Amino acid sequence: MKAVINIALKNGVLDPAGKATEHALGSLGFANVSNVRIGKQIVLDIDSNDKNEAKKQLEVMCEELLANTVIEDYEIVL
């Protein structure tokens, strides 16, 4: 089963890459863009027929390795 994990900085955490991208977009004439946040997406296959069990395993992966839960939130889509 395919899983997509979206990871983004929590609200209130400074995002220098997002701020730099927002500034660059403004310099290119895209003045209507604001609050740019940069995140990451992890796509993987997990060998499981049970969505609930797969989601539990993916949550453990995120908590232990894939996301820094102090400053990042994650979302799992199966």
PDB file of N, CA and C in Angstrom:
ATOM      1  N   MET A   1       0.849  -1.165   0.000  1.00  0.00           N
ATOM      2  CA  MET A   1       0.000   0.000   0.000  1.00  0.00           C
ATOM      3  C   MET A   1       0.896   1.229   0.000  1.00  0.00           C
ATOM      4  N   LYS A   2       0.510   2.234  -0.751  1.00  0.00           N
ATOM      5  CA  LYS A   2       1.292   3.471  -0.866  1.00  0.00           C
ATOM      6  C   LYS A   2       0.907   4.407   0.271  1.00  0.00           C
ATOM      7  N   ALA A   3       1.928   5.008   0.865  1.00  0.00           N
ATOM      8  CA  ALA A   3       1.720   5.985   1.926  1.00  0.00           C
ATOM      9  C   ALA A   3       2.430   7.273   1.541  1.00  0.00           C
ATOM     10  N   VAL A   4       1.785   8.383   1.852  1.00  0.00           N
ATOM     11  CA  VAL A   4       2.369   9.707   1.647  1.00  0.00           C
ATOM     12  C   VAL A   4       2.398  10.385   3.008  1.00  0.00           C
ATOM     13  N   ILE A   5       3.583  10.856   3.396  1.00  0.00           N
ATOM     14  CA  ILE A   5       3.749  11.546   4.665  1.00  0.00           C
ATOM     15  C   ILE A   5       4.168  12.976   4.354  1.00  0.00           C
ATOM     16  N   ASN A   6       3.334  13.928   4.757  1.00  0.00           N
ATOM     17  CA  ASN A   6       3.623  15.344   4.577  1.00  0.00           C
ATOM     18  C   ASN A   6       4.104  15.902   5.906  1.00  0.00           C
ATOM     19  N   ILE A   7       5.266  16.539   5.885  1.00  0.00           N
ATOM     20  CA  ILE A   7       5.872  17.077   7.096  1.00  0.00           C
ATOM     21  C   ILE A   7       6.085  18.576   6.907  1.00  0.00           C
ATOM     22  N   ALA A   8       5.644  19.351   7.893  1.00  0.00           N
ATOM     23  CA  ALA A   8       5.777  20.810   7.816  1.00  0.00           C
ATOM     24  C   ALA A   8       6.112  21.354   9.195  1.00  0.00           C
ATOM     25  N   LEU A   9       6.766  22.500   9.205  1.00  0.00           N
ATOM     26  CA  LEU A   9       7.065  23.156  10.473  1.00  0.00           C
ATOM     27  C   LEU A   9       5.757  23.568  11.157  1.00  0.00           C
ATOM     28  N   LYS A  10       5.746  23.465  12.464  1.00  0.00           N
ATOM     29  CA  LYS A  10       4.572  23.872  13.229  1.00  0.00           C
ATOM     30  C   LYS A  10       4.378  25.384  13.095  1.00  0.00           C
ATOM     31  N   ASN A  11       3.128  25.811  13.259  1.00  0.00           N
ATOM     32  CA  ASN A  11       2.843  27.250  13.263  1.00  0.00           C
ATOM     33  C   ASN A  11       3.651  27.902  14.372  1.00  0.00           C
ATOM     34  N   GLY A  12       4.217  29.039  14.073  1.00  0.00           N
ATOM     35  CA  GLY A  12       5.014  29.756  15.054  1.00  0.00           C
ATOM     36  C   GLY A  12       6.498  29.462  14.981  1.00  0.00           C
ATOM     37  N   VAL A  13       6.884  28.408  14.256  1.00  0.00           N
ATOM     38  CA  VAL A  13       8.297  28.084  14.082  1.00  0.00           C
ATOM     39  C   VAL A  13       8.803  28.840  12.860  1.00  0.00           C
ATOM     40  N   LEU A  14       9.892  29.561  13.033  1.00  0.00           N
ATOM     41  CA  LEU A  14      10.468  30.345  11.949  1.00  0.00           C
ATOM     42  C   LEU A  14      10.852  29.444  10.777  1.00  0.00           C
ATOM     43  N   ASP A  15      10.484  29.864   9.575  1.00  0.00           N
ATOM     44  CA  ASP A  15      10.775  29.100   8.356  1.00  0.00           C
ATOM     45  C   ASP A  15      11.619  29.973   7.415  1.00  0.00           C
ATOM     46  N   PRO A  16      12.945  29.969   7.598  1.00  0.00           N
ATOM     47  CA  PRO A  16      13.793  30.828   6.761  1.00  0.00           C
ATOM     48  C   PRO A  16      13.704  30.492   5.279  1.00  0.00           C
ATOM     49  N   ALA A  17      13.593  29.215   4.934  1.00  0.00           N
ATOM     50  CA  ALA A  17      13.481  28.837   3.515  1.00  0.00           C
ATOM     51  C   ALA A  17      12.174  29.362   2.928  1.00  0.00           C
ATOM     52  N   GLY A  18      11.104  29.286   3.685  1.00  0.00           N
ATOM     53  CA  GLY A  18       9.824  29.817   3.227  1.00  0.00           C
ATOM     54  C   GLY A  18       9.870  31.316   3.042  1.00  0.00           C
ATOM     55  N   LYS A  19      10.519  32.011   3.988  1.00  0.00           N
ATOM     56  CA  LYS A  19      10.630  33.469   3.907  1.00  0.00           C
ATOM     57  C   LYS A  19      11.467  33.870   2.696  1.00  0.00           C
ATOM     58  N   ALA A  20      12.577  33.163   2.449  1.00  0.00           N
ATOM     59  CA  ALA A  20      13.425  33.465   1.296  1.00  0.00           C
ATOM     60  C   ALA A  20      12.672  33.215  -0.010  1.00  0.00           C
ATOM     61  N   THR A  21      11.900  32.140  -0.056  1.00  0.00           N
ATOM     62  CA  THR A  21      11.114  31.827  -1.256  1.00  0.00           C
ATOM     63  C   THR A  21      10.038  32.880  -1.481  1.00  0.00           C
ATOM     64  N   GLU A  22       9.384  33.295  -0.397  1.00  0.00           N
ATOM     65  CA  GLU A  22       8.371  34.348  -0.499  1.00  0.00           C
ATOM     66  C   GLU A  22       8.986  35.629  -1.051  1.00  0.00           C
ATOM     67  N   HIS A  23      10.169  35.996  -0.555  1.00  0.00           N
ATOM     68  CA  HIS A  23      10.857  37.196  -1.034  1.00  0.00           C
ATOM     69  C   HIS A  23      11.219  37.057  -2.521  1.00  0.00           C
ATOM     70  N   ALA A  24      11.740  35.884  -2.904  1.00  0.00           N
ATOM     71  CA  ALA A  24      12.129  35.653  -4.308  1.00  0.00           C
ATOM     72  C   ALA A  24      10.909  35.721  -5.227  1.00  0.00           C
ATOM     73  N   LEU A  25       9.797  35.153  -4.786  1.00  0.00           N
ATOM     74  CA  LEU A  25       8.586  35.213  -5.605  1.00  0.00           C
ATOM     75  C   LEU A  25       8.129  36.660  -5.772  1.00  0.00           C
ATOM     76  N   GLY A  26       8.216  37.443  -4.702  1.00  0.00           N
ATOM     77  CA  GLY A  26       7.875  38.860  -4.792  1.00  0.00           C
ATOM     78  C   GLY A  26       8.778  39.593  -5.777  1.00  0.00           C
ATOM     79  N   SER A  27      10.066  39.240  -5.766  1.00  0.00           N
ATOM     80  CA  SER A  27      11.019  39.857  -6.695  1.00  0.00           C
ATOM     81  C   SER A  27      10.712  39.497  -8.144  1.00  0.00           C
ATOM     82  N   LEU A  28      10.078  38.340  -8.344  1.00  0.00           N
ATOM     83  CA  LEU A  28       9.712  37.913  -9.698  1.00  0.00           C
ATOM     84  C   LEU A  28       8.356  38.465 -10.135  1.00  0.00           C
ATOM     85  N   GLY A  29       7.745  39.280  -9.276  1.00  0.00           N
ATOM     86  CA  GLY A  29       6.492  39.917  -9.654  1.00  0.00           C
ATOM     87  C   GLY A  29       5.246  39.252  -9.089  1.00  0.00           C
ATOM     88  N   PHE A  30       5.429  38.255  -8.259  1.00  0.00           N
ATOM     89  CA  PHE A  30       4.279  37.577  -7.651  1.00  0.00           C
ATOM     90  C   PHE A  30       3.979  38.207  -6.298  1.00  0.00           C
ATOM     91  N   ALA A  31       3.474  39.418  -6.330  1.00  0.00           N
ATOM     92  CA  ALA A  31       3.241  40.195  -5.115  1.00  0.00           C
ATOM     93  C   ALA A  31       2.054  39.680  -4.306  1.00  0.00           C
ATOM     94  N   ASN A  32       1.235  38.830  -4.895  1.00  0.00           N
ATOM     95  CA  ASN A  32       0.045  38.336  -4.208  1.00  0.00           C
ATOM     96  C   ASN A  32       0.315  37.076  -3.386  1.00  0.00           C
ATOM     97  N   VAL A  33       1.588  36.692  -3.193  1.00  0.00           N
ATOM     98  CA  VAL A  33       1.948  35.484  -2.440  1.00  0.00           C
ATOM     99  C   VAL A  33       2.441  35.888  -1.060  1.00  0.00           C
ATOM    100  N   SER A  34       1.957  35.185  -0.024  1.00  0.00           N
ATOM    101  CA  SER A  34       2.424  35.466   1.334  1.00  0.00           C
ATOM    102  C   SER A  34       2.387  34.190   2.168  1.00  0.00           C
ATOM    103  N   ASN A  35       3.038  34.247   3.303  1.00  0.00           N
ATOM    104  CA  ASN A  35       3.059  33.137   4.262  1.00  0.00           C
ATOM    105  C   ASN A  35       3.530  31.824   3.640  1.00  0.00           C
ATOM    106  N   VAL A  36       4.601  31.858   2.884  1.00  0.00           N
ATOM    107  CA  VAL A  36       5.147  30.654   2.247  1.00  0.00           C
ATOM    108  C   VAL A  36       5.803  29.798   3.321  1.00  0.00           C
ATOM    109  N   ARG A  37       5.475  28.516   3.329  1.00  0.00           N
ATOM    110  CA  ARG A  37       6.061  27.547   4.250  1.00  0.00           C
ATOM    111  C   ARG A  37       6.628  26.413   3.402  1.00  0.00           C
ATOM    112  N   ILE A  38       7.833  25.987   3.721  1.00  0.00           N
ATOM    113  CA  ILE A  38       8.482  24.907   2.999  1.00  0.00           C
ATOM    114  C   ILE A  38       8.439  23.655   3.878  1.00  0.00           C
ATOM    115  N   GLY A  39       8.051  22.536   3.286  1.00  0.00           N
ATOM    116  CA  GLY A  39       7.992  21.277   4.015  1.00  0.00           C
ATOM    117  C   GLY A  39       8.650  20.182   3.204  1.00  0.00           C
ATOM    118  N   LYS A  40       8.354  18.960   3.581  1.00  0.00           N
ATOM    119  CA  LYS A  40       8.877  17.826   2.825  1.00  0.00           C
ATOM    120  C   LYS A  40       7.789  16.768   2.720  1.00  0.00           C
ATOM    121  N   GLN A  41       7.923  15.945   1.702  1.00  0.00           N
ATOM    122  CA  GLN A  41       6.968  14.866   1.477  1.00  0.00           C
ATOM    123  C   GLN A  41       7.756  13.579   1.295  1.00  0.00           C
ATOM    124  N   ILE A  42       7.326  12.550   2.003  1.00  0.00           N
ATOM    125  CA  ILE A  42       7.939  11.226   1.897  1.00  0.00           C
ATOM    126  C   ILE A  42       6.883  10.281   1.355  1.00  0.00           C
ATOM    127  N   VAL A  43       7.223   9.591   0.271  1.00  0.00           N
ATOM    128  CA  VAL A  43       6.308   8.621  -0.341  1.00  0.00           C
ATOM    129  C   VAL A  43       6.967   7.261  -0.226  1.00  0.00           C
ATOM    130  N   LEU A  44       6.213   6.289   0.288  1.00  0.00           N
ATOM    131  CA  LEU A  44       6.764   4.947   0.435  1.00  0.00           C
ATOM    132  C   LEU A  44       5.672   3.901   0.291  1.00  0.00           C
ATOM    133  N   ASP A  45       6.095   2.676   0.042  1.00  0.00           N
ATOM    134  CA  ASP A  45       5.186   1.531   0.022  1.00  0.00           C
ATOM    135  C   ASP A  45       5.359   0.780   1.334  1.00  0.00           C
ATOM    136  N   ILE A  46       4.249   0.407   1.937  1.00  0.00           N
ATOM    137  CA  ILE A  46       4.289  -0.389   3.159  1.00  0.00           C
ATOM    138  C   ILE A  46       3.493  -1.657   2.914  1.00  0.00           C
ATOM    139  N   ASP A  47       4.096  -2.781   3.213  1.00  0.00           N
ATOM    140  CA  ASP A  47       3.489  -4.085   2.953  1.00  0.00           C
ATOM    141  C   ASP A  47       2.533  -4.426   4.087  1.00  0.00           C
ATOM    142  N   SER A  48       1.273  -4.076   3.892  1.00  0.00           N
ATOM    143  CA  SER A  48       0.248  -4.337   4.903  1.00  0.00           C
ATOM    144  C   SER A  48      -1.115  -4.329   4.225  1.00  0.00           C
ATOM    145  N   ASN A  49      -1.989  -5.194   4.694  1.00  0.00           N
ATOM    146  CA  ASN A  49      -3.359  -5.219   4.195  1.00  0.00           C
ATOM    147  C   ASN A  49      -4.321  -4.516   5.148  1.00  0.00           C
ATOM    148  N   ASP A  50      -3.827  -4.129   6.306  1.00  0.00           N
ATOM    149  CA  ASP A  50      -4.640  -3.495   7.335  1.00  0.00           C
ATOM    150  C   ASP A  50      -4.248  -2.020   7.445  1.00  0.00           C
ATOM    151  N   LYS A  51      -5.151  -1.128   7.025  1.00  0.00           N
ATOM    152  CA  LYS A  51      -4.844   0.309   7.035  1.00  0.00           C
ATOM    153  C   LYS A  51      -4.539   0.825   8.430  1.00  0.00           C
ATOM    154  N   ASN A  52      -5.271   0.352   9.424  1.00  0.00           N
ATOM    155  CA  ASN A  52      -5.045   0.817  10.794  1.00  0.00           C
ATOM    156  C   ASN A  52      -3.664   0.423  11.288  1.00  0.00           C
ATOM    157  N   GLU A  53      -3.258  -0.815  11.030  1.00  0.00           N
ATOM    158  CA  GLU A  53      -1.929  -1.273  11.449  1.00  0.00           C
ATOM    159  C   GLU A  53      -0.845  -0.524  10.685  1.00  0.00           C
ATOM    160  N   ALA A  54      -1.055  -0.310   9.400  1.00  0.00           N
ATOM    161  CA  ALA A  54      -0.079   0.432   8.602  1.00  0.00           C
ATOM    162  C   ALA A  54       0.072   1.852   9.144  1.00  0.00           C
ATOM    163  N   LYS A  55      -1.046   2.486   9.459  1.00  0.00           N
ATOM    164  CA  LYS A  55      -0.995   3.855   9.973  1.00  0.00           C
ATOM    165  C   LYS A  55      -0.254   3.903  11.308  1.00  0.00           C
ATOM    166  N   LYS A  56      -0.488   2.918  12.171  1.00  0.00           N
ATOM    167  CA  LYS A  56       0.226   2.860  13.449  1.00  0.00           C
ATOM    168  C   LYS A  56       1.727   2.750  13.229  1.00  0.00           C
ATOM    169  N   GLN A  57       2.135   1.894  12.302  1.00  0.00           N
ATOM    170  CA  GLN A  57       3.555   1.727  12.007  1.00  0.00           C
ATOM    171  C   GLN A  57       4.151   3.021  11.452  1.00  0.00           C
ATOM    172  N   LEU A  58       3.421   3.672  10.569  1.00  0.00           N
ATOM    173  CA  LEU A  58       3.892   4.924   9.985  1.00  0.00           C
ATOM    174  C   LEU A  58       4.012   6.024  11.040  1.00  0.00           C
ATOM    175  N   GLU A  59       3.089   6.046  11.985  1.00  0.00           N
ATOM    176  CA  GLU A  59       3.175   7.023  13.073  1.00  0.00           C
ATOM    177  C   GLU A  59       4.436   6.805  13.899  1.00  0.00           C
ATOM    178  N   VAL A  60       4.766   5.548  14.171  1.00  0.00           N
ATOM    179  CA  VAL A  60       5.991   5.240  14.916  1.00  0.00           C
ATOM    180  C   VAL A  60       7.210   5.689  14.112  1.00  0.00           C
ATOM    181  N   MET A  61       7.195   5.434  12.800  1.00  0.00           N
ATOM    182  CA  MET A  61       8.305   5.869  11.946  1.00  0.00           C
ATOM    183  C   MET A  61       8.486   7.382  12.024  1.00  0.00           C
ATOM    184  N   CYS A  62       7.380   8.106  11.978  1.00  0.00           N
ATOM    185  CA  CYS A  62       7.446   9.568  12.043  1.00  0.00           C
ATOM    186  C   CYS A  62       7.953  10.034  13.399  1.00  0.00           C
ATOM    187  N   GLU A  63       7.443   9.445  14.455  1.00  0.00           N
ATOM    188  CA  GLU A  63       7.827   9.851  15.806  1.00  0.00           C
ATOM    189  C   GLU A  63       9.297   9.544  16.097  1.00  0.00           C
ATOM    190  N   GLU A  64       9.810   8.446  15.547  1.00  0.00           N
ATOM    191  CA  GLU A  64      11.161   8.009  15.874  1.00  0.00           C
ATOM    192  C   GLU A  64      12.233   8.485  14.893  1.00  0.00           C
ATOM    193  N   LEU A  65      11.846   8.796  13.636  1.00  0.00           N
ATOM    194  CA  LEU A  65      12.875   9.113  12.653  1.00  0.00           C
ATOM    195  C   LEU A  65      12.495  10.206  11.654  1.00  0.00           C
ATOM    196  N   LEU A  66      11.336  10.096  11.050  1.00  0.00           N
ATOM    197  CA  LEU A  66      11.041  10.916   9.877  1.00  0.00           C
ATOM    198  C   LEU A  66      10.739  12.377  10.182  1.00  0.00           C
ATOM    199  N   ALA A  67      10.157  12.655  11.334  1.00  0.00           N
ATOM    200  CA  ALA A  67       9.792  14.032  11.681  1.00  0.00           C
ATOM    201  C   ALA A  67      10.423  14.421  13.012  1.00  0.00           C
ATOM    202  N   ASN A  68      10.784  15.672  13.123  1.00  0.00           N
ATOM    203  CA  ASN A  68      11.229  16.216  14.406  1.00  0.00           C
ATOM    204  C   ASN A  68       9.978  16.787  15.062  1.00  0.00           C
ATOM    205  N   THR A  69       9.332  16.001  15.899  1.00  0.00           N
ATOM    206  CA  THR A  69       8.015  16.376  16.424  1.00  0.00           C
ATOM    207  C   THR A  69       8.052  17.550  17.397  1.00  0.00           C
ATOM    208  N   VAL A  70       9.237  18.004  17.763  1.00  0.00           N
ATOM    209  CA  VAL A  70       9.328  19.199  18.586  1.00  0.00           C
ATOM    210  C   VAL A  70       8.942  20.422  17.758  1.00  0.00           C
ATOM    211  N   ILE A  71       9.363  20.438  16.489  1.00  0.00           N
ATOM    212  CA  ILE A  71       9.113  21.622  15.654  1.00  0.00           C
ATOM    213  C   ILE A  71       8.298  21.312  14.397  1.00  0.00           C
ATOM    214  N   GLU A  72       7.990  20.036  14.146  1.00  0.00           N
ATOM    215  CA  GLU A  72       7.281  19.667  12.912  1.00  0.00           C
ATOM    216  C   GLU A  72       6.000  18.893  13.220  1.00  0.00           C
ATOM    217  N   ASP A  73       5.017  19.109  12.368  1.00  0.00           N
ATOM    218  CA  ASP A  73       3.798  18.304  12.339  1.00  0.00           C
ATOM    219  C   ASP A  73       3.870  17.392  11.131  1.00  0.00           C
ATOM    220  N   TYR A  74       3.162  16.283  11.209  1.00  0.00           N
ATOM    221  CA  TYR A  74       3.107  15.384  10.044  1.00  0.00           C
ATOM    222  C   TYR A  74       1.681  14.909   9.809  1.00  0.00           C
ATOM    223  N   GLU A  75       1.437  14.558   8.574  1.00  0.00           N
ATOM    224  CA  GLU A  75       0.132  14.043   8.141  1.00  0.00           C
ATOM    225  C   GLU A  75       0.405  12.795   7.306  1.00  0.00           C
ATOM    226  N   ILE A  76      -0.335  11.737   7.590  1.00  0.00           N
ATOM    227  CA  ILE A  76      -0.178  10.478   6.864  1.00  0.00           C
ATOM    228  C   ILE A  76      -1.408  10.262   5.998  1.00  0.00           C
ATOM    229  N   VAL A  77      -1.168   9.985   4.718  1.00  0.00           N
ATOM    230  CA  VAL A  77      -2.249   9.691   3.773  1.00  0.00           C
ATOM    231  C   VAL A  77      -1.980   8.323   3.180  1.00  0.00           C
ATOM    232  N   LEU A  78      -2.928   7.427   3.320  1.00  0.00           N
ATOM    233  CA  LEU A  78      -2.790   6.083   2.740  1.00  0.00           C
ATOM    234  C   LEU A  78      -3.620   5.979   1.479  1.00  0.00           C
TER     235      LEU A  78
END
